[in-house]
Amino acid sequence: MNSNKTKKKNIALVHYSYPPVIGGVEFIMEAHAKQFAQAGHQVKIITGVGRSVEENISIHRIKDFSTDSEETEIVQEELRNGFLTERFGKLKNKLKKEIQKALGDISVCFVHNVLTMHFNMALTAAFSEIIKEWGEEKDFYIWCHDATLNNPDYRIPNRGKYPWKLLQEVQPHCRYITISSWRKKQLSELFGMDSSSVQIVPNGVDIRSFLGVTDFIWQIAQDLDLFHQEIVLFFPSRILRRKNYELAIHITHALNRLGKKSLLLLTGPPDPHNSKTKEYLSELCALIKKLDCEKEVIFIHNLKEKYGQDFKIGYSHLQALYSLSDILLLPSSQEGF
């Protein structure tokens, strides 16, 4: 394995297709590519179809990577009918040559599914040969989202014959990655390898983008360590006695006493039209101090000191806080709705 420790690298991500083609692997690859690019690496997507307008991400299209290219479909049909023809060899050699050209300036290569799925066996064979030849010069990571030979939906009658047998062959000089402990178990059995040889990297979700969290709330979430809480309780209301804040505070305190790391977010300021709310707020602060749960109960309006006098919680911020919370807590003693 190449031991090059250069901070910024030329990285390739490989798959049959790339967005805007819709698919789970495609979306994961796109997210990985953006993360690498944001870290300053140069990213090359080697694929049959796809495009990108992102900075530091280039697309290197090789037509016959695509599972629906004319030549790929012909060769795949021949293989399904039990014929390993000269046409397969020509396509494999053509792909190998084009891949080698694309990988010329690459130091790290992530190959997604190509070596464990049967959709383009000429491509599988080409990559298998390249890895055997270049595996000590470049870092290859075999990213296994799925595996044909573990899936009963796919029937490969000649799985012990070339090229199908490549789908259960351990590639030398490579690191294997999969998405779950179940896939890890399956791959270990398929390849006859120790499970410690397969790393697990679950498919992630870009929470900020997916939930539409505003920059401001994202910063607050980071500062409050929101993502390391087991339970985040959200109480959006003005501070009025009938809202029963005491119960919310006791619930949060009890959860933490039970070993569930919990945080209560209180968004509302005291009602400016009701002078009695200041007295109520003082009572709540005394209760929080008595229970020693100052770090468990957060009055969002108190963050003005940290984020400035222009600090305001608007509708989009409330929506973002709601999305990031686990429980909407409304313990009012009485309401008009």
C-alpha atoms as a PDB file:
ATOM      1  CA  MET A   1       0.000   0.000   0.000  1.00  0.00           C
ATOM      2  CA  ASN A   2       1.304   3.422  -0.921  1.00  0.00           C
ATOM      3  CA  SER A   3       2.479   5.254   2.207  1.00  0.00           C
ATOM      4  CA  ASN A   4       2.351   8.738   0.666  1.00  0.00           C
ATOM      5  CA  LYS A   5       1.333  11.140   3.458  1.00  0.00           C
ATOM      6  CA  THR A   6       0.863  14.251   1.291  1.00  0.00           C
ATOM      7  CA  LYS A   7      -1.780  16.469   2.836  1.00  0.00           C
ATOM      8  CA  LYS A   8      -3.611  17.242  -0.423  1.00  0.00           C
ATOM      9  CA  LYS A   9      -4.212  14.348  -2.800  1.00  0.00           C
ATOM     10  CA  ASN A  10      -5.555  13.574  -6.238  1.00  0.00           C
ATOM     11  CA  ILE A  11      -8.510  11.308  -5.528  1.00  0.00           C
ATOM     12  CA  ALA A  12     -10.630   9.255  -7.922  1.00  0.00           C
ATOM     13  CA  LEU A  13     -14.130   7.951  -7.257  1.00  0.00           C
ATOM     14  CA  VAL A  14     -15.326   5.196  -9.575  1.00  0.00           C
ATOM     15  CA  HIS A  15     -18.817   3.914 -10.383  1.00  0.00           C
ATOM     16  CA  TYR A  16     -20.990   3.095 -13.375  1.00  0.00           C
ATOM     17  CA  SER A  17     -22.797   6.441 -13.092  1.00  0.00           C
ATOM     18  CA  TYR A  18     -22.855   9.703 -11.145  1.00  0.00           C
ATOM     19  CA  PRO A  19     -25.497  12.377 -10.486  1.00  0.00           C
ATOM     20  CA  PRO A  20     -27.689  13.691 -11.953  1.00  0.00           C
ATOM     21  CA  VAL A  21     -28.339   9.954 -12.387  1.00  0.00           C
ATOM     22  CA  ILE A  22     -30.539   9.069  -9.406  1.00  0.00           C
ATOM     23  CA  GLY A  23     -29.360   6.293  -7.101  1.00  0.00           C
ATOM     24  CA  GLY A  24     -28.189   5.597  -3.579  1.00  0.00           C
ATOM     25  CA  VAL A  25     -24.558   4.917  -4.501  1.00  0.00           C
ATOM     26  CA  GLU A  26     -24.531   7.964  -6.788  1.00  0.00           C
ATOM     27  CA  PHE A  27     -25.732  10.246  -3.992  1.00  0.00           C
ATOM     28  CA  ILE A  28     -23.191   8.852  -1.521  1.00  0.00           C
ATOM     29  CA  MET A  29     -20.390   9.318  -4.056  1.00  0.00           C
ATOM     30  CA  GLU A  30     -21.454  12.901  -4.679  1.00  0.00           C
ATOM     31  CA  ALA A  31     -21.405  13.629  -0.941  1.00  0.00           C
ATOM     32  CA  HIS A  32     -17.951  12.053  -0.602  1.00  0.00           C
ATOM     33  CA  ALA A  33     -16.660  14.024  -3.590  1.00  0.00           C
ATOM     34  CA  LYS A  34     -17.863  17.306  -2.095  1.00  0.00           C
ATOM     35  CA  GLN A  35     -16.291  16.498   1.274  1.00  0.00           C
ATOM     36  CA  PHE A  36     -12.941  15.691  -0.331  1.00  0.00           C
ATOM     37  CA  ALA A  37     -13.092  18.829  -2.487  1.00  0.00           C
ATOM     38  CA  GLN A  38     -13.965  21.033   0.486  1.00  0.00           C
ATOM     39  CA  ALA A  39     -10.914  19.610   2.266  1.00  0.00           C
ATOM     40  CA  GLY A  40      -8.764  20.867  -0.617  1.00  0.00           C
ATOM     41  CA  HIS A  41      -8.230  17.623  -2.524  1.00  0.00           C
ATOM     42  CA  GLN A  42      -8.544  17.366  -6.299  1.00  0.00           C
ATOM     43  CA  VAL A  43     -11.341  14.923  -7.096  1.00  0.00           C
ATOM     44  CA  LYS A  44     -11.875  13.064 -10.346  1.00  0.00           C
ATOM     45  CA  ILE A  45     -15.080  11.135 -10.954  1.00  0.00           C
ATOM     46  CA  ILE A  46     -14.467   8.248 -13.362  1.00  0.00           C
ATOM     47  CA  THR A  47     -17.835   7.132 -14.650  1.00  0.00           C
ATOM     48  CA  GLY A  48     -19.967   6.311 -17.652  1.00  0.00           C
ATOM     49  CA  VAL A  49     -22.437   9.150 -17.239  1.00  0.00           C
ATOM     50  CA  GLY A  50     -22.698  12.166 -14.948  1.00  0.00           C
ATOM     51  CA  ARG A  51     -21.685  15.779 -14.524  1.00  0.00           C
ATOM     52  CA  SER A  52     -20.511  18.234 -11.889  1.00  0.00           C
ATOM     53  CA  VAL A  53     -20.117  21.998 -11.614  1.00  0.00           C
ATOM     54  CA  GLU A  54     -18.391  21.825  -8.235  1.00  0.00           C
ATOM     55  CA  GLU A  55     -14.970  23.382  -7.783  1.00  0.00           C
ATOM     56  CA  ASN A  56     -12.162  20.801  -7.512  1.00  0.00           C
ATOM     57  CA  ILE A  57     -14.416  18.036  -8.907  1.00  0.00           C
ATOM     58  CA  SER A  58     -13.867  16.937 -12.497  1.00  0.00           C
ATOM     59  CA  ILE A  59     -15.744  14.307 -14.491  1.00  0.00           C
ATOM     60  CA  HIS A  60     -13.862  11.780 -16.602  1.00  0.00           C
ATOM     61  CA  ARG A  61     -16.465   9.940 -18.656  1.00  0.00           C
ATOM     62  CA  ILE A  62     -15.722   6.563 -20.211  1.00  0.00           C
ATOM     63  CA  LYS A  63     -18.711   5.555 -22.309  1.00  0.00           C
ATOM     64  CA  ASP A  64     -18.521   1.813 -21.713  1.00  0.00           C
ATOM     65  CA  PHE A  65     -18.505   2.214 -17.928  1.00  0.00           C
ATOM     66  CA  SER A  66     -22.222   2.710 -18.321  1.00  0.00           C
ATOM     67  CA  THR A  67     -24.296  -0.432 -17.883  1.00  0.00           C
ATOM     68  CA  ASP A  68     -26.532   0.585 -20.784  1.00  0.00           C
ATOM     69  CA  SER A  69     -23.857   1.379 -23.361  1.00  0.00           C
ATOM     70  CA  GLU A  70     -24.416  -0.656 -26.529  1.00  0.00           C
ATOM     71  CA  GLU A  71     -21.151  -2.596 -26.275  1.00  0.00           C
ATOM     72  CA  THR A  72     -21.604  -3.335 -22.582  1.00  0.00           C
ATOM     73  CA  GLU A  73     -25.115  -4.663 -23.152  1.00  0.00           C
ATOM     74  CA  ILE A  74     -23.960  -6.964 -25.971  1.00  0.00           C
ATOM     75  CA  VAL A  75     -21.096  -8.417 -23.916  1.00  0.00           C
ATOM     76  CA  GLN A  76     -23.285  -8.849 -20.841  1.00  0.00           C
ATOM     77  CA  GLU A  77     -25.896 -10.701 -22.901  1.00  0.00           C
ATOM     78  CA  GLU A  78     -23.219 -13.036 -24.266  1.00  0.00           C
ATOM     79  CA  LEU A  79     -22.028 -13.781 -20.731  1.00  0.00           C
ATOM     80  CA  ARG A  80     -25.567 -14.440 -19.519  1.00  0.00           C
ATOM     81  CA  ASN A  81     -25.919 -16.966 -22.325  1.00  0.00           C
ATOM     82  CA  GLY A  82     -22.720 -18.700 -21.233  1.00  0.00           C
ATOM     83  CA  PHE A  83     -20.380 -17.334 -23.914  1.00  0.00           C
ATOM     84  CA  LEU A  84     -17.024 -15.739 -23.074  1.00  0.00           C
ATOM     85  CA  THR A  85     -16.127 -14.292 -26.464  1.00  0.00           C
ATOM     86  CA  GLU A  86     -13.370 -12.280 -28.060  1.00  0.00           C
ATOM     87  CA  ARG A  87     -15.678  -9.301 -27.786  1.00  0.00           C
ATOM     88  CA  PHE A  88     -15.440  -9.476 -23.987  1.00  0.00           C
ATOM     89  CA  GLY A  89     -11.638  -9.466 -24.161  1.00  0.00           C
ATOM     90  CA  LYS A  90     -11.570  -6.485 -26.506  1.00  0.00           C
ATOM     91  CA  LEU A  91     -13.917  -4.465 -24.293  1.00  0.00           C
ATOM     92  CA  LYS A  92     -11.982  -5.389 -21.157  1.00  0.00           C
ATOM     93  CA  ASN A  93      -8.662  -4.330 -22.738  1.00  0.00           C
ATOM     94  CA  LYS A  94     -10.175  -1.108 -24.068  1.00  0.00           C
ATOM     95  CA  LEU A  95     -11.558  -0.219 -20.646  1.00  0.00           C
ATOM     96  CA  LYS A  96      -8.285  -1.114 -18.942  1.00  0.00           C
ATOM     97  CA  LYS A  97      -6.350   1.225 -21.219  1.00  0.00           C
ATOM     98  CA  GLU A  98      -8.798   4.090 -20.661  1.00  0.00           C
ATOM     99  CA  ILE A  99      -8.860   3.553 -16.897  1.00  0.00           C
ATOM    100  CA  GLN A 100      -5.065   3.532 -16.687  1.00  0.00           C
ATOM    101  CA  LYS A 101      -5.005   6.837 -18.532  1.00  0.00           C
ATOM    102  CA  ALA A 102      -7.605   8.312 -16.157  1.00  0.00           C
ATOM    103  CA  LEU A 103      -5.707   7.078 -13.084  1.00  0.00           C
ATOM    104  CA  GLY A 104      -2.348   8.402 -14.237  1.00  0.00           C
ATOM    105  CA  ASP A 105      -2.274  11.366 -11.843  1.00  0.00           C
ATOM    106  CA  ILE A 106      -4.326   9.700  -9.099  1.00  0.00           C
ATOM    107  CA  SER A 107      -2.859   8.574  -5.769  1.00  0.00           C
ATOM    108  CA  VAL A 108      -6.065   7.360  -4.061  1.00  0.00           C
ATOM    109  CA  CYS A 109      -8.910   5.505  -5.792  1.00  0.00           C
ATOM    110  CA  PHE A 110     -12.301   4.565  -4.320  1.00  0.00           C
ATOM    111  CA  VAL A 111     -14.061   1.904  -6.401  1.00  0.00           C
ATOM    112  CA  HIS A 112     -17.781   1.711  -5.629  1.00  0.00           C
ATOM    113  CA  ASN A 113     -19.499  -1.659  -6.265  1.00  0.00           C
ATOM    114  CA  VAL A 114     -17.656  -2.387  -9.539  1.00  0.00           C
ATOM    115  CA  LEU A 115     -15.733  -5.319  -8.033  1.00  0.00           C
ATOM    116  CA  THR A 116     -18.687  -6.947  -6.270  1.00  0.00           C
ATOM    117  CA  MET A 117     -21.574  -6.375  -8.703  1.00  0.00           C
ATOM    118  CA  HIS A 118     -22.144  -8.114 -12.043  1.00  0.00           C
ATOM    119  CA  PHE A 119     -23.564  -5.239 -14.121  1.00  0.00           C
ATOM    120  CA  ASN A 120     -20.442  -4.736 -16.261  1.00  0.00           C
ATOM    121  CA  MET A 121     -18.122  -7.711 -16.014  1.00  0.00           C
ATOM    122  CA  ALA A 122     -15.643  -6.376 -18.571  1.00  0.00           C
ATOM    123  CA  LEU A 123     -15.189  -3.367 -16.295  1.00  0.00           C
ATOM    124  CA  THR A 124     -14.854  -5.644 -13.247  1.00  0.00           C
ATOM    125  CA  ALA A 125     -12.152  -7.659 -15.015  1.00  0.00           C
ATOM    126  CA  ALA A 126     -10.319  -4.538 -16.193  1.00  0.00           C
ATOM    127  CA  PHE A 127     -10.198  -3.088 -12.692  1.00  0.00           C
ATOM    128  CA  SER A 128      -9.131  -6.399 -11.194  1.00  0.00           C
ATOM    129  CA  GLU A 129      -6.109  -6.461 -13.501  1.00  0.00           C
ATOM    130  CA  ILE A 130      -5.231  -2.817 -12.837  1.00  0.00           C
ATOM    131  CA  ILE A 131      -5.327  -3.317  -9.073  1.00  0.00           C
ATOM    132  CA  LYS A 132      -3.052  -6.343  -9.313  1.00  0.00           C
ATOM    133  CA  GLU A 133      -0.573  -4.286 -11.346  1.00  0.00           C
ATOM    134  CA  TRP A 134      -0.831  -0.915  -9.577  1.00  0.00           C
ATOM    135  CA  GLY A 135      -1.961  -1.861  -6.076  1.00  0.00           C
ATOM    136  CA  GLU A 136       1.439  -1.168  -4.531  1.00  0.00           C
ATOM    137  CA  GLU A 137       1.760   2.207  -6.271  1.00  0.00           C
ATOM    138  CA  LYS A 138      -1.675   3.642  -5.544  1.00  0.00           C
ATOM    139  CA  ASP A 139      -4.109   3.348  -2.640  1.00  0.00           C
ATOM    140  CA  PHE A 140      -7.196   1.410  -3.714  1.00  0.00           C
ATOM    141  CA  TYR A 141     -10.328   1.254  -1.559  1.00  0.00           C
ATOM    142  CA  ILE A 142     -13.022  -1.228  -2.570  1.00  0.00           C
ATOM    143  CA  TRP A 143     -16.312   0.284  -1.380  1.00  0.00           C
ATOM    144  CA  CYS A 144     -18.937  -2.464  -1.219  1.00  0.00           C
ATOM    145  CA  HIS A 145     -22.497  -1.221  -0.932  1.00  0.00           C
ATOM    146  CA  ASP A 146     -23.842  -4.486  -2.382  1.00  0.00           C
ATOM    147  CA  ALA A 147     -22.586  -7.865  -3.582  1.00  0.00           C
ATOM    148  CA  THR A 148     -24.227  -9.896  -6.328  1.00  0.00           C
ATOM    149  CA  LEU A 149     -23.190 -13.271  -4.943  1.00  0.00           C
ATOM    150  CA  ASN A 150     -24.789 -12.495  -1.573  1.00  0.00           C
ATOM    151  CA  ASN A 151     -28.078 -11.446  -3.121  1.00  0.00           C
ATOM    152  CA  PRO A 152     -30.676 -14.168  -3.848  1.00  0.00           C
ATOM    153  CA  ASP A 153     -32.331 -11.837  -6.371  1.00  0.00           C
ATOM    154  CA  TYR A 154     -29.392 -12.431  -8.711  1.00  0.00           C
ATOM    155  CA  ARG A 155     -28.711 -15.877 -10.111  1.00  0.00           C
ATOM    156  CA  ILE A 156     -25.215 -16.446 -11.456  1.00  0.00           C
ATOM    157  CA  PRO A 157     -25.066 -20.064 -12.687  1.00  0.00           C
ATOM    158  CA  ASN A 158     -21.319 -20.077 -13.390  1.00  0.00           C
ATOM    159  CA  ARG A 159     -20.081 -18.215 -10.328  1.00  0.00           C
ATOM    160  CA  GLY A 160     -16.954 -20.372 -10.141  1.00  0.00           C
ATOM    161  CA  LYS A 161     -15.875 -19.516 -13.688  1.00  0.00           C
ATOM    162  CA  TYR A 162     -14.151 -16.454 -15.106  1.00  0.00           C
ATOM    163  CA  PRO A 163     -15.183 -13.650 -15.143  1.00  0.00           C
ATOM    164  CA  TRP A 164     -17.951 -14.275 -12.583  1.00  0.00           C
ATOM    165  CA  LYS A 165     -15.497 -15.664 -10.030  1.00  0.00           C
ATOM    166  CA  LEU A 166     -13.893 -12.218  -9.805  1.00  0.00           C
ATOM    167  CA  LEU A 167     -16.936 -11.155  -7.765  1.00  0.00           C
ATOM    168  CA  GLN A 168     -15.729 -13.332  -4.864  1.00  0.00           C
ATOM    169  CA  GLU A 169     -12.013 -12.784  -5.325  1.00  0.00           C
ATOM    170  CA  VAL A 170     -10.074 -10.773  -2.751  1.00  0.00           C
ATOM    171  CA  GLN A 171      -8.105  -8.045  -4.492  1.00  0.00           C
ATOM    172  CA  PRO A 172      -4.502  -7.682  -3.256  1.00  0.00           C
ATOM    173  CA  HIS A 173      -3.111  -4.473  -1.750  1.00  0.00           C
ATOM    174  CA  CYS A 174      -6.642  -3.086  -1.195  1.00  0.00           C
ATOM    175  CA  ARG A 175      -8.711  -1.954   1.738  1.00  0.00           C
ATOM    176  CA  TYR A 176     -12.307  -3.094   1.849  1.00  0.00           C
ATOM    177  CA  ILE A 177     -15.074  -0.829   3.114  1.00  0.00           C
ATOM    178  CA  THR A 178     -18.758  -1.562   3.553  1.00  0.00           C
ATOM    179  CA  ILE A 179     -21.807   0.224   4.913  1.00  0.00           C
ATOM    180  CA  SER A 180     -23.021  -1.903   7.851  1.00  0.00           C
ATOM    181  CA  SER A 181     -22.144  -4.720  10.223  1.00  0.00           C
ATOM    182  CA  TRP A 182     -24.505  -7.008   8.277  1.00  0.00           C
ATOM    183  CA  ARG A 183     -22.718  -6.271   4.991  1.00  0.00           C
ATOM    184  CA  LYS A 184     -19.394  -6.779   6.776  1.00  0.00           C
ATOM    185  CA  LYS A 185     -20.468 -10.265   7.886  1.00  0.00           C
ATOM    186  CA  GLN A 186     -21.690 -11.116   4.376  1.00  0.00           C
ATOM    187  CA  LEU A 187     -18.507  -9.923   2.687  1.00  0.00           C
ATOM    188  CA  SER A 188     -16.250 -11.697   5.174  1.00  0.00           C
ATOM    189  CA  GLU A 189     -18.042 -14.963   4.427  1.00  0.00           C
ATOM    190  CA  LEU A 190     -18.093 -14.353   0.669  1.00  0.00           C
ATOM    191  CA  PHE A 191     -14.374 -13.610   0.475  1.00  0.00           C
ATOM    192  CA  GLY A 192     -13.334 -16.066   3.181  1.00  0.00           C
ATOM    193  CA  MET A 193     -11.468 -13.301   4.961  1.00  0.00           C
ATOM    194  CA  ASP A 194     -11.218 -12.193   8.568  1.00  0.00           C
ATOM    195  CA  SER A 195     -13.934  -9.660   9.369  1.00  0.00           C
ATOM    196  CA  SER A 196     -11.292  -7.284  10.750  1.00  0.00           C
ATOM    197  CA  SER A 197     -10.146  -6.799   7.157  1.00  0.00           C
ATOM    198  CA  VAL A 198     -13.411  -5.012   6.320  1.00  0.00           C
ATOM    199  CA  GLN A 199     -14.026  -1.517   7.670  1.00  0.00           C
ATOM    200  CA  ILE A 200     -17.517  -0.131   8.243  1.00  0.00           C
ATOM    201  CA  VAL A 201     -18.348   3.383   7.067  1.00  0.00           C
ATOM    202  CA  PRO A 202     -22.126   3.913   7.298  1.00  0.00           C
ATOM    203  CA  ASN A 203     -23.893   5.991   4.694  1.00  0.00           C
ATOM    204  CA  GLY A 204     -24.105   9.453   6.182  1.00  0.00           C
ATOM    205  CA  VAL A 205     -26.684  12.210   5.941  1.00  0.00           C
ATOM    206  CA  ASP A 206     -25.844  15.885   5.511  1.00  0.00           C
ATOM    207  CA  ILE A 207     -28.126  16.966   8.352  1.00  0.00           C
ATOM    208  CA  ARG A 208     -27.697  20.672   7.749  1.00  0.00           C
ATOM    209  CA  SER A 209     -28.679  20.473   4.087  1.00  0.00           C
ATOM    210  CA  PHE A 210     -31.342  17.780   4.479  1.00  0.00           C
ATOM    211  CA  LEU A 211     -33.188  19.604   7.270  1.00  0.00           C
ATOM    212  CA  GLY A 212     -32.597  23.085   5.865  1.00  0.00           C
ATOM    213  CA  VAL A 213     -30.945  24.335   9.059  1.00  0.00           C
ATOM    214  CA  THR A 214     -30.032  28.031   8.990  1.00  0.00           C
ATOM    215  CA  ASP A 215     -26.406  29.091   9.466  1.00  0.00           C
ATOM    216  CA  PHE A 216     -27.294  30.815  12.722  1.00  0.00           C
ATOM    217  CA  ILE A 217     -29.029  27.796  14.274  1.00  0.00           C
ATOM    218  CA  TRP A 218     -26.296  25.488  13.003  1.00  0.00           C
ATOM    219  CA  GLN A 219     -23.764  27.555  14.943  1.00  0.00           C
ATOM    220  CA  ILE A 220     -25.930  27.434  18.065  1.00  0.00           C
ATOM    221  CA  ALA A 221     -26.336  23.660  17.678  1.00  0.00           C
ATOM    222  CA  GLN A 222     -22.562  23.241  17.494  1.00  0.00           C
ATOM    223  CA  ASP A 223     -21.984  25.504  20.491  1.00  0.00           C
ATOM    224  CA  LEU A 224     -24.586  23.665  22.592  1.00  0.00           C
ATOM    225  CA  ASP A 225     -23.201  20.270  21.551  1.00  0.00           C
ATOM    226  CA  LEU A 226     -26.687  19.376  20.333  1.00  0.00           C
ATOM    227  CA  PHE A 227     -25.558  16.401  18.254  1.00  0.00           C
ATOM    228  CA  HIS A 228     -24.075  14.589  21.238  1.00  0.00           C
ATOM    229  CA  GLN A 229     -27.303  14.693  23.256  1.00  0.00           C
ATOM    230  CA  GLU A 230     -29.402  11.553  23.501  1.00  0.00           C
ATOM    231  CA  ILE A 231     -32.611  13.583  23.784  1.00  0.00           C
ATOM    232  CA  VAL A 232     -33.219  17.194  22.763  1.00  0.00           C
ATOM    233  CA  LEU A 233     -36.514  18.596  24.067  1.00  0.00           C
ATOM    234  CA  PHE A 234     -37.953  21.657  22.337  1.00  0.00           C
ATOM    235  CA  PHE A 235     -40.365  24.001  24.140  1.00  0.00           C
ATOM    236  CA  PRO A 236     -41.343  26.965  21.910  1.00  0.00           C
ATOM    237  CA  SER A 237     -43.389  29.376  24.017  1.00  0.00           C
ATOM    238  CA  ARG A 238     -43.386  32.668  25.847  1.00  0.00           C
ATOM    239  CA  ILE A 239     -42.590  32.451  29.527  1.00  0.00           C
ATOM    240  CA  LEU A 240     -46.016  32.400  31.169  1.00  0.00           C
ATOM    241  CA  ARG A 241     -46.987  30.537  34.331  1.00  0.00           C
ATOM    242  CA  ARG A 242     -49.740  28.568  32.590  1.00  0.00           C
ATOM    243  CA  LYS A 243     -47.132  27.113  30.200  1.00  0.00           C
ATOM    244  CA  ASN A 244     -45.940  24.962  33.131  1.00  0.00           C
ATOM    245  CA  TYR A 245     -42.192  25.370  32.625  1.00  0.00           C
ATOM    246  CA  GLU A 246     -41.571  23.665  35.969  1.00  0.00           C
ATOM    247  CA  LEU A 247     -42.775  20.342  34.584  1.00  0.00           C
ATOM    248  CA  ALA A 248     -40.536  20.665  31.522  1.00  0.00           C
ATOM    249  CA  ILE A 249     -37.545  21.345  33.765  1.00  0.00           C
ATOM    250  CA  HIS A 250     -38.350  18.394  36.055  1.00  0.00           C
ATOM    251  CA  ILE A 251     -38.774  16.062  33.045  1.00  0.00           C
ATOM    252  CA  THR A 252     -35.381  17.065  31.658  1.00  0.00           C
ATOM    253  CA  HIS A 253     -33.716  16.704  35.042  1.00  0.00           C
ATOM    254  CA  ALA A 254     -35.276  13.244  35.535  1.00  0.00           C
ATOM    255  CA  LEU A 255     -34.100  12.059  32.109  1.00  0.00           C
ATOM    256  CA  ASN A 256     -30.544  13.059  32.946  1.00  0.00           C
ATOM    257  CA  ARG A 257     -30.802  11.356  36.349  1.00  0.00           C
ATOM    258  CA  LEU A 258     -31.823   8.191  34.486  1.00  0.00           C
ATOM    259  CA  GLY A 259     -28.639   8.384  32.434  1.00  0.00           C
ATOM    260  CA  LYS A 260     -30.197   9.853  29.282  1.00  0.00           C
ATOM    261  CA  LYS A 261     -28.117  12.854  28.300  1.00  0.00           C
ATOM    262  CA  SER A 262     -30.827  15.430  27.621  1.00  0.00           C
ATOM    263  CA  LEU A 263     -31.101  19.111  26.812  1.00  0.00           C
ATOM    264  CA  LEU A 264     -34.167  21.359  27.069  1.00  0.00           C
ATOM    265  CA  LEU A 265     -34.389  24.284  24.640  1.00  0.00           C
ATOM    266  CA  LEU A 266     -36.681  27.110  25.761  1.00  0.00           C
ATOM    267  CA  THR A 267     -37.153  29.656  22.998  1.00  0.00           C
ATOM    268  CA  GLY A 268     -39.513  32.241  24.453  1.00  0.00           C
ATOM    269  CA  PRO A 269     -38.515  35.428  26.295  1.00  0.00           C
ATOM    270  CA  PRO A 270     -40.580  36.821  29.187  1.00  0.00           C
ATOM    271  CA  ASP A 271     -43.838  38.409  28.009  1.00  0.00           C
ATOM    272  CA  PRO A 272     -43.147  42.170  27.760  1.00  0.00           C
ATOM    273  CA  HIS A 273     -46.842  42.881  28.412  1.00  0.00           C
ATOM    274  CA  ASN A 274     -46.981  40.975  31.683  1.00  0.00           C
ATOM    275  CA  SER A 275     -44.780  42.166  34.558  1.00  0.00           C
ATOM    276  CA  LYS A 276     -45.534  39.022  36.556  1.00  0.00           C
ATOM    277  CA  THR A 277     -43.493  36.947  34.111  1.00  0.00           C
ATOM    278  CA  LYS A 278     -40.266  38.410  35.488  1.00  0.00           C
ATOM    279  CA  GLU A 279     -41.214  37.035  38.883  1.00  0.00           C
ATOM    280  CA  TYR A 280     -42.027  33.675  37.301  1.00  0.00           C
ATOM    281  CA  LEU A 281     -38.717  33.632  35.445  1.00  0.00           C
ATOM    282  CA  SER A 282     -36.889  34.216  38.733  1.00  0.00           C
ATOM    283  CA  GLU A 283     -38.721  31.230  40.229  1.00  0.00           C
ATOM    284  CA  LEU A 284     -37.713  29.070  37.277  1.00  0.00           C
ATOM    285  CA  CYS A 285     -34.076  30.117  37.577  1.00  0.00           C
ATOM    286  CA  ALA A 286     -34.157  29.271  41.281  1.00  0.00           C
ATOM    287  CA  LEU A 287     -35.594  25.826  40.491  1.00  0.00           C
ATOM    288  CA  ILE A 288     -32.916  25.190  37.888  1.00  0.00           C
ATOM    289  CA  LYS A 289     -30.214  26.175  40.373  1.00  0.00           C
ATOM    290  CA  LYS A 290     -31.749  23.979  43.085  1.00  0.00           C
ATOM    291  CA  LEU A 291     -31.769  20.976  40.738  1.00  0.00           C
ATOM    292  CA  ASP A 292     -28.243  21.823  39.573  1.00  0.00           C
ATOM    293  CA  CYS A 293     -29.288  21.552  35.930  1.00  0.00           C
ATOM    294  CA  GLU A 294     -28.070  24.861  34.491  1.00  0.00           C
ATOM    295  CA  LYS A 295     -26.286  23.001  31.687  1.00  0.00           C
ATOM    296  CA  GLU A 296     -29.381  20.936  30.897  1.00  0.00           C
ATOM    297  CA  VAL A 297     -31.849  23.816  30.468  1.00  0.00           C
ATOM    298  CA  ILE A 298     -31.125  26.488  27.887  1.00  0.00           C
ATOM    299  CA  PHE A 299     -33.071  29.749  27.634  1.00  0.00           C
ATOM    300  CA  ILE A 300     -32.400  30.704  24.029  1.00  0.00           C
ATOM    301  CA  HIS A 301     -33.135  34.386  24.707  1.00  0.00           C
ATOM    302  CA  ASN A 302     -30.226  34.422  27.188  1.00  0.00           C
ATOM    303  CA  LEU A 303     -27.816  33.784  24.313  1.00  0.00           C
ATOM    304  CA  LYS A 304     -28.091  37.457  23.364  1.00  0.00           C
ATOM    305  CA  GLU A 305     -24.968  38.124  25.390  1.00  0.00           C
ATOM    306  CA  LYS A 306     -23.022  35.685  23.234  1.00  0.00           C
ATOM    307  CA  TYR A 307     -24.504  36.377  19.803  1.00  0.00           C
ATOM    308  CA  GLY A 308     -25.203  40.118  20.109  1.00  0.00           C
ATOM    309  CA  GLN A 309     -28.150  42.411  20.705  1.00  0.00           C
ATOM    310  CA  ASP A 310     -29.559  41.755  17.212  1.00  0.00           C
ATOM    311  CA  PHE A 311     -30.098  38.131  18.196  1.00  0.00           C
ATOM    312  CA  LYS A 312     -33.668  37.139  17.354  1.00  0.00           C
ATOM    313  CA  ILE A 313     -35.390  33.821  16.809  1.00  0.00           C
ATOM    314  CA  GLY A 314     -37.532  34.027  13.687  1.00  0.00           C
ATOM    315  CA  TYR A 315     -39.804  31.491  12.034  1.00  0.00           C
ATOM    316  CA  SER A 316     -37.021  29.847   9.999  1.00  0.00           C
ATOM    317  CA  HIS A 317     -34.942  29.488  13.166  1.00  0.00           C
ATOM    318  CA  LEU A 318     -37.853  27.896  15.028  1.00  0.00           C
ATOM    319  CA  GLN A 319     -38.335  25.495  12.133  1.00  0.00           C
ATOM    320  CA  ALA A 320     -34.646  24.551  12.232  1.00  0.00           C
ATOM    321  CA  LEU A 321     -34.673  24.012  16.012  1.00  0.00           C
ATOM    322  CA  TYR A 322     -37.798  21.871  15.674  1.00  0.00           C
ATOM    323  CA  SER A 323     -36.074  19.747  13.012  1.00  0.00           C
ATOM    324  CA  LEU A 324     -33.006  19.222  15.198  1.00  0.00           C
ATOM    325  CA  SER A 325     -34.995  18.232  18.291  1.00  0.00           C
ATOM    326  CA  ASP A 326     -36.270  14.818  19.331  1.00  0.00           C
ATOM    327  CA  ILE A 327     -39.323  15.847  21.357  1.00  0.00           C
ATOM    328  CA  LEU A 328     -41.750  18.750  21.059  1.00  0.00           C
ATOM    329  CA  LEU A 329     -42.692  19.412  24.679  1.00  0.00           C
ATOM    330  CA  LEU A 330     -45.920  21.326  25.460  1.00  0.00           C
ATOM    331  CA  PRO A 331     -46.761  20.776  29.165  1.00  0.00           C
ATOM    332  CA  SER A 332     -49.188  23.728  29.483  1.00  0.00           C
ATOM    333  CA  SER A 333     -51.788  23.563  32.248  1.00  0.00           C
ATOM    334  CA  GLN A 334     -54.336  25.114  29.867  1.00  0.00           C
ATOM    335  CA  GLU A 335     -54.443  26.469  26.323  1.00  0.00           C
ATOM    336  CA  GLY A 336     -56.945  28.008  23.932  1.00  0.00           C
ATOM    337  CA  PHE A 337     -56.377  25.438  21.201  1.00  0.00           C
END
